[in-house]
Amino acid sequence: MSAIESHFHLDRTLTALGRPPNGSIDDVLRATSVDEGEITIEGKVAVYCDPSTYPSVKTLKMFSDGLVVAVGVNPKKVSQASDAQAYTL
């Protein structure tokens, strides 16, 4: 069976695993054990909603194929977002 992980917070997952929030999905996979025998993940959508952990352009270029990135602002964190960040992303 194949699936698409349609919404996960890569930055928050990395932080929960004790990793820097600017890491990659490969960092998550190395830090966890996953039995891929039953399901094959065909695609992933990483969602960033905390301005303090928005990915840099350099970080975005490191992401693997099959990973789509969505960037938004959590309503509770809107005061942390700058116009420059919004324009860049």
C-alpha atoms as a PDB file:
ATOM      1  CA  MET A   1       0.000   0.000   0.000  1.00  0.00           C
ATOM      2  CA  SER A   2       1.239   3.501  -0.719  1.00  0.00           C
ATOM      3  CA  ALA A   3       0.304   6.754   0.961  1.00  0.00           C
ATOM      4  CA  ILE A   4       0.995  10.475   0.987  1.00  0.00           C
ATOM      5  CA  GLU A   5       1.695  12.180   4.306  1.00  0.00           C
ATOM      6  CA  SER A   6      -0.392  15.235   3.579  1.00  0.00           C
ATOM      7  CA  HIS A   7       0.347  17.421   6.597  1.00  0.00           C
ATOM      8  CA  PHE A   8       3.116  17.242   9.166  1.00  0.00           C
ATOM      9  CA  HIS A   9       5.102  19.890  11.003  1.00  0.00           C
ATOM     10  CA  LEU A  10       8.708  19.012  10.203  1.00  0.00           C
ATOM     11  CA  ASP A  11      10.130  21.754  12.458  1.00  0.00           C
ATOM     12  CA  ARG A  12       8.002  20.729  15.443  1.00  0.00           C
ATOM     13  CA  THR A  13       8.711  17.023  14.896  1.00  0.00           C
ATOM     14  CA  LEU A  14      12.456  17.675  14.788  1.00  0.00           C
ATOM     15  CA  THR A  15      12.263  19.751  17.970  1.00  0.00           C
ATOM     16  CA  ALA A  16      10.306  16.988  19.740  1.00  0.00           C
ATOM     17  CA  LEU A  17      13.055  14.550  18.738  1.00  0.00           C
ATOM     18  CA  GLY A  18      15.740  16.852  20.160  1.00  0.00           C
ATOM     19  CA  ARG A  19      17.019  17.834  16.728  1.00  0.00           C
ATOM     20  CA  PRO A  20      17.498  21.352  15.284  1.00  0.00           C
ATOM     21  CA  PRO A  21      14.282  22.613  13.650  1.00  0.00           C
ATOM     22  CA  ASN A  22      16.104  23.306  10.385  1.00  0.00           C
ATOM     23  CA  GLY A  23      16.816  19.620   9.771  1.00  0.00           C
ATOM     24  CA  SER A  24      15.373  17.340   7.135  1.00  0.00           C
ATOM     25  CA  ILE A  25      12.955  14.453   6.878  1.00  0.00           C
ATOM     26  CA  ASP A  26      16.014  12.198   6.750  1.00  0.00           C
ATOM     27  CA  ASP A  27      16.911  13.410  10.265  1.00  0.00           C
ATOM     28  CA  VAL A  28      13.446  12.336  11.452  1.00  0.00           C
ATOM     29  CA  LEU A  29      13.755   8.936   9.816  1.00  0.00           C
ATOM     30  CA  ARG A  30      17.196   8.359  11.369  1.00  0.00           C
ATOM     31  CA  ALA A  31      15.841   9.279  14.821  1.00  0.00           C
ATOM     32  CA  THR A  32      12.837   6.958  14.655  1.00  0.00           C
ATOM     33  CA  SER A  33      12.177   3.380  13.702  1.00  0.00           C
ATOM     34  CA  VAL A  34       9.668   2.889  10.929  1.00  0.00           C
ATOM     35  CA  ASP A  35       8.403  -0.410   9.563  1.00  0.00           C
ATOM     36  CA  GLU A  36       8.035   0.423   5.897  1.00  0.00           C
ATOM     37  CA  GLY A  37       6.931  -3.088   4.993  1.00  0.00           C
ATOM     38  CA  GLU A  38       3.239  -2.289   5.090  1.00  0.00           C
ATOM     39  CA  ILE A  39       3.076   1.250   3.706  1.00  0.00           C
ATOM     40  CA  THR A  40       5.290   3.084   1.257  1.00  0.00           C
ATOM     41  CA  ILE A  41       5.246   6.860   1.617  1.00  0.00           C
ATOM     42  CA  GLU A  42       5.106   8.249  -1.919  1.00  0.00           C
ATOM     43  CA  GLY A  43       5.005  11.927  -1.027  1.00  0.00           C
ATOM     44  CA  LYS A  44       5.113  14.320   1.913  1.00  0.00           C
ATOM     45  CA  VAL A  45       3.824  17.818   2.706  1.00  0.00           C
ATOM     46  CA  ALA A  46       5.840  19.595   5.400  1.00  0.00           C
ATOM     47  CA  VAL A  47       4.003  22.512   6.998  1.00  0.00           C
ATOM     48  CA  TYR A  48       5.806  25.384   8.704  1.00  0.00           C
ATOM     49  CA  CYS A  49       3.685  27.736  10.812  1.00  0.00           C
ATOM     50  CA  ASP A  50       6.141  29.140  13.360  1.00  0.00           C
ATOM     51  CA  PRO A  51       8.115  32.139  12.022  1.00  0.00           C
ATOM     52  CA  SER A  52      11.055  31.356  14.310  1.00  0.00           C
ATOM     53  CA  THR A  53      11.597  28.023  12.544  1.00  0.00           C
ATOM     54  CA  TYR A  54      10.857  28.949   8.921  1.00  0.00           C
ATOM     55  CA  PRO A  55      13.293  27.140   6.631  1.00  0.00           C
ATOM     56  CA  SER A  56      16.011  29.113   4.888  1.00  0.00           C
ATOM     57  CA  VAL A  57      16.408  28.972   1.131  1.00  0.00           C
ATOM     58  CA  LYS A  58      19.516  26.829   1.724  1.00  0.00           C
ATOM     59  CA  THR A  59      17.494  24.384   3.846  1.00  0.00           C
ATOM     60  CA  LEU A  60      14.733  24.214   1.225  1.00  0.00           C
ATOM     61  CA  LYS A  61      17.286  23.258  -1.428  1.00  0.00           C
ATOM     62  CA  MET A  62      18.448  20.333   0.754  1.00  0.00           C
ATOM     63  CA  PHE A  63      15.013  18.730   0.881  1.00  0.00           C
ATOM     64  CA  SER A  64      14.538  15.579  -1.154  1.00  0.00           C
ATOM     65  CA  ASP A  65      12.244  15.108  -4.098  1.00  0.00           C
ATOM     66  CA  GLY A  66       8.739  14.140  -3.120  1.00  0.00           C
ATOM     67  CA  LEU A  67       8.614  16.692  -0.290  1.00  0.00           C
ATOM     68  CA  VAL A  68       6.374  19.716  -0.789  1.00  0.00           C
ATOM     69  CA  VAL A  69       6.733  22.596   1.657  1.00  0.00           C
ATOM     70  CA  ALA A  70       3.869  24.829   2.779  1.00  0.00           C
ATOM     71  CA  VAL A  71       4.556  27.947   4.829  1.00  0.00           C
ATOM     72  CA  GLY A  72       1.938  29.810   6.817  1.00  0.00           C
ATOM     73  CA  VAL A  73       1.567  31.628  10.096  1.00  0.00           C
ATOM     74  CA  ASN A  74      -0.038  30.183  13.192  1.00  0.00           C
ATOM     75  CA  PRO A  75      -2.525  32.827  14.428  1.00  0.00           C
ATOM     76  CA  LYS A  76      -0.910  32.688  17.868  1.00  0.00           C
ATOM     77  CA  LYS A  77       2.487  33.546  16.338  1.00  0.00           C
ATOM     78  CA  VAL A  78       1.493  36.270  13.879  1.00  0.00           C
ATOM     79  CA  SER A  79       3.274  38.945  15.935  1.00  0.00           C
ATOM     80  CA  GLN A  80       6.557  37.057  15.385  1.00  0.00           C
ATOM     81  CA  ALA A  81       6.298  37.172  11.590  1.00  0.00           C
ATOM     82  CA  SER A  82       8.030  39.959   9.710  1.00  0.00           C
ATOM     83  CA  ASP A  83       7.133  41.388   6.334  1.00  0.00           C
ATOM     84  CA  ALA A  84      10.626  40.423   5.113  1.00  0.00           C
ATOM     85  CA  GLN A  85      10.014  36.765   6.006  1.00  0.00           C
ATOM     86  CA  ALA A  86       6.674  36.746   4.234  1.00  0.00           C
ATOM     87  CA  TYR A  87       8.175  38.356   1.135  1.00  0.00           C
ATOM     88  CA  THR A  88      11.149  35.972   1.024  1.00  0.00           C
ATOM     89  CA  LEU A  89       9.004  32.875   1.373  1.00  0.00           C
END
